[in-house]
Amino acid sequence: MLTKTAITGAVMQMVSHGVMTALFFAVIGMIYERTHTRQVDEMGGLLKVTPFISTVLFIVGLCSLGLPGLSGFVAEMTIFVGSWQNTDAFHRIATIIACMSIVVTAVYILRAIGKVAMGPLKEGYEGITDATWNERMAAIILVAGILAIGLAPFWLNNLVSPAAEIIMQKISTVK
């Protein structure tokens, strides 16, 4: 959207997405290691036997859909605010459409997490174990990153803003 705020938000989204995706892959790997399936329909009720893994799955899912207080919200909101700074109809409509996509993301993320973690425990999963100490430590570090960006985003914003300003200066000289 070529505003300093939108570029700052885009970089923040890249950082947030990197942390969030690392955690998503880690949690999905933990679940696969225990269930030996990637089919959501074959899972269910895992919260009963893997409370730590399921809780982290909820946290990273909520981060992905942009829940306030988590890094996904800060990054997306910064992009949307930066996009809204363009006053022409094209940019405003594009921003509104992008904001509406949050609903689609929320639906598929919450449905998938709900099917995996909630409901009755599927047969054959009674004996699976929760996260080991090293899995917990890795997940906690990544959750801390998500919370650090989501609850106190100014440190990352202060790191990114000078580079966004340089990008905007370069763009304005090209026009």
Protein backbone atom coordinates (compact mmCIF):
# COMPACT_ATOMS: atom_id res chain seq x y z
CA MET A 1 0.00 0.00 0.00
CA LEU A 2 3.13 2.15 -0.07
CA THR A 3 2.81 3.96 3.23
CA LYS A 4 5.42 3.91 5.98
CA THR A 5 2.90 2.40 8.41
CA ALA A 6 1.87 -0.36 5.99
CA ILE A 7 5.50 -1.24 5.23
CA THR A 8 6.30 -1.32 8.95
CA GLY A 9 3.28 -3.58 9.48
CA ALA A 10 4.33 -5.84 6.62
CA VAL A 11 7.77 -6.37 8.18
CA MET A 12 6.16 -6.94 11.58
CA GLN A 13 3.87 -9.49 9.89
CA MET A 14 6.91 -11.27 8.45
CA VAL A 15 8.46 -11.54 11.91
CA SER A 16 5.16 -12.57 13.49
CA HIS A 17 4.48 -15.10 10.76
CA GLY A 18 7.96 -16.60 11.19
CA VAL A 19 7.48 -17.14 14.91
CA MET A 20 3.87 -18.27 14.54
CA THR A 21 4.62 -20.69 11.71
CA ALA A 22 7.55 -22.19 13.59
CA LEU A 23 5.23 -22.84 16.52
CA PHE A 24 2.45 -24.18 14.28
CA PHE A 25 4.84 -26.66 12.64
CA ALA A 26 6.25 -27.68 16.02
CA VAL A 27 2.79 -28.31 17.50
CA ILE A 28 1.57 -30.13 14.40
CA GLY A 29 4.73 -32.24 14.52
CA MET A 30 4.08 -33.07 18.18
CA ILE A 31 0.52 -34.10 17.38
CA TYR A 32 1.59 -36.17 14.37
CA GLU A 33 4.30 -37.92 16.39
CA ARG A 34 1.64 -39.05 18.84
CA THR A 35 -1.32 -39.75 16.55
CA HIS A 36 0.49 -40.78 13.34
CA THR A 37 -2.06 -38.95 11.22
CA ARG A 38 -2.45 -35.54 9.65
CA GLN A 39 -6.17 -36.01 9.00
CA VAL A 40 -8.16 -33.66 11.20
CA ASP A 41 -11.27 -35.88 10.92
CA GLU A 42 -9.34 -38.78 12.48
CA MET A 43 -8.52 -36.76 15.58
CA GLY A 44 -10.64 -35.40 18.38
CA GLY A 45 -10.60 -34.79 22.10
CA LEU A 46 -6.83 -34.44 22.30
CA LEU A 47 -7.19 -31.74 24.97
CA LYS A 48 -8.01 -34.56 27.41
CA VAL A 49 -4.68 -36.37 26.93
CA THR A 50 -2.40 -33.59 25.67
CA PRO A 51 -3.44 -30.44 27.55
CA PHE A 52 -0.15 -28.58 27.01
CA ILE A 53 0.06 -29.32 23.29
CA SER A 54 -3.62 -28.49 22.79
CA THR A 55 -3.29 -25.22 24.70
CA VAL A 56 -0.34 -24.16 22.58
CA LEU A 57 -2.32 -25.14 19.47
CA PHE A 58 -5.13 -22.82 20.61
CA ILE A 59 -2.68 -19.97 21.32
CA VAL A 60 -0.97 -20.20 17.94
CA GLY A 61 -4.30 -20.57 16.17
CA LEU A 62 -5.66 -17.47 17.87
CA CYS A 63 -2.45 -15.64 16.96
CA SER A 64 -2.90 -16.68 13.34
CA LEU A 65 -6.42 -15.30 13.17
CA GLY A 66 -5.34 -11.99 14.71
CA LEU A 67 -6.56 -12.06 18.31
CA PRO A 68 -5.65 -8.84 20.17
CA GLY A 69 -2.71 -9.27 22.52
CA LEU A 70 -0.91 -11.62 20.14
CA SER A 71 1.60 -10.77 17.42
CA GLY A 72 -0.76 -11.51 14.54
CA PHE A 73 -3.14 -8.74 15.63
CA VAL A 74 -0.45 -6.08 15.95
CA ALA A 75 1.01 -6.84 12.54
CA GLU A 76 -2.34 -7.04 10.75
CA MET A 77 -3.72 -3.93 12.42
CA THR A 78 -0.60 -1.95 11.52
CA ILE A 79 -0.97 -3.01 7.89
CA PHE A 80 -4.67 -2.11 7.84
CA VAL A 81 -4.07 1.29 9.44
CA GLY A 82 -1.27 1.97 6.97
CA SER A 83 -3.46 0.88 4.09
CA TRP A 84 -6.32 3.12 5.22
CA GLN A 85 -3.98 6.13 5.01
CA ASN A 86 -4.46 6.00 1.23
CA THR A 87 -7.67 7.94 0.66
CA ASP A 88 -8.55 6.83 -2.88
CA ALA A 89 -11.40 4.37 -3.48
CA PHE A 90 -9.19 1.54 -4.78
CA HIS A 91 -7.03 1.41 -1.66
CA ARG A 92 -10.00 1.78 0.68
CA ILE A 93 -11.91 -1.06 -1.02
CA ALA A 94 -8.80 -3.27 -1.03
CA THR A 95 -8.36 -2.61 2.70
CA ILE A 96 -11.98 -3.48 3.45
CA ILE A 97 -11.74 -6.73 1.46
CA ALA A 98 -8.52 -7.64 3.27
CA CYS A 99 -10.18 -6.97 6.62
CA MET A 100 -13.11 -9.20 5.67
CA SER A 101 -10.71 -12.06 4.97
CA ILE A 102 -10.13 -12.23 8.73
CA VAL A 103 -13.55 -13.88 9.07
CA VAL A 104 -12.61 -16.66 6.65
CA THR A 105 -9.37 -17.27 8.51
CA ALA A 106 -11.17 -17.37 11.85
CA VAL A 107 -13.66 -19.94 10.59
CA TYR A 108 -11.15 -22.43 9.21
CA ILE A 109 -8.63 -22.05 12.05
CA LEU A 110 -11.23 -22.41 14.81
CA ARG A 111 -12.93 -25.36 13.07
CA ALA A 112 -9.65 -27.24 12.64
CA ILE A 113 -8.47 -26.62 16.20
CA GLY A 114 -11.89 -27.46 17.59
CA LYS A 115 -12.01 -30.77 15.75
CA VAL A 116 -8.52 -31.74 16.91
CA ALA A 117 -8.73 -30.71 20.55
CA MET A 118 -12.40 -30.73 21.53
CA GLY A 119 -15.13 -33.34 21.68
CA PRO A 120 -14.87 -36.94 22.70
CA LEU A 121 -11.44 -38.56 22.60
CA LYS A 122 -11.13 -40.70 19.48
CA GLU A 123 -10.52 -44.39 20.04
CA GLY A 124 -6.88 -45.40 20.18
CA TYR A 125 -5.58 -42.11 21.60
CA GLU A 126 -6.09 -42.91 25.29
CA GLY A 127 -2.44 -43.74 25.88
CA ILE A 128 -0.71 -40.87 24.12
CA THR A 129 1.47 -38.56 26.17
CA ASP A 130 1.69 -34.81 26.44
CA ALA A 131 4.74 -32.72 25.50
CA THR A 132 8.16 -33.61 26.86
CA TRP A 133 10.23 -31.02 28.74
CA ASN A 134 12.22 -30.03 25.64
CA GLU A 135 9.06 -29.69 23.53
CA ARG A 136 7.54 -27.55 26.26
CA MET A 137 10.62 -25.33 26.45
CA ALA A 138 10.67 -24.74 22.68
CA ALA A 139 6.95 -23.96 22.64
CA ILE A 140 7.22 -21.61 25.63
CA ILE A 141 10.03 -19.64 23.95
CA LEU A 142 7.97 -19.22 20.77
CA VAL A 143 4.81 -18.30 22.73
CA ALA A 144 6.92 -15.71 24.59
CA GLY A 145 7.90 -14.21 21.22
CA ILE A 146 4.25 -14.05 20.14
CA LEU A 147 3.31 -12.35 23.42
CA ALA A 148 6.30 -9.98 23.34
CA ILE A 149 5.23 -8.66 19.95
CA GLY A 150 1.53 -8.70 20.80
CA LEU A 151 1.64 -7.03 24.21
CA ALA A 152 4.56 -4.64 23.72
CA PRO A 153 4.99 -4.10 19.97
CA PHE A 154 6.89 -0.84 20.24
CA TRP A 155 10.32 -2.48 20.49
CA LEU A 156 9.81 -4.22 17.13
CA ASN A 157 8.17 -1.13 15.64
CA ASN A 158 11.18 0.95 16.68
CA LEU A 159 13.51 -1.55 15.00
CA VAL A 160 11.53 -1.65 11.75
CA SER A 161 10.42 2.00 11.31
CA PRO A 162 13.80 3.47 10.28
CA ALA A 163 14.12 0.96 7.44
CA ALA A 164 10.52 1.62 6.38
CA GLU A 165 11.34 5.33 6.26
CA ILE A 166 14.33 4.64 3.99
CA ILE A 167 12.13 2.52 1.72
CA MET A 168 9.56 5.33 1.52
CA GLN A 169 12.30 7.86 0.66
CA LYS A 170 13.57 5.61 -2.14
CA ILE A 171 10.03 5.14 -3.48
CA SER A 172 9.33 8.88 -3.45
CA THR A 173 12.51 9.62 -5.46
CA VAL A 174 11.48 7.07 -8.12
CA LYS A 175 8.06 8.71 -8.67
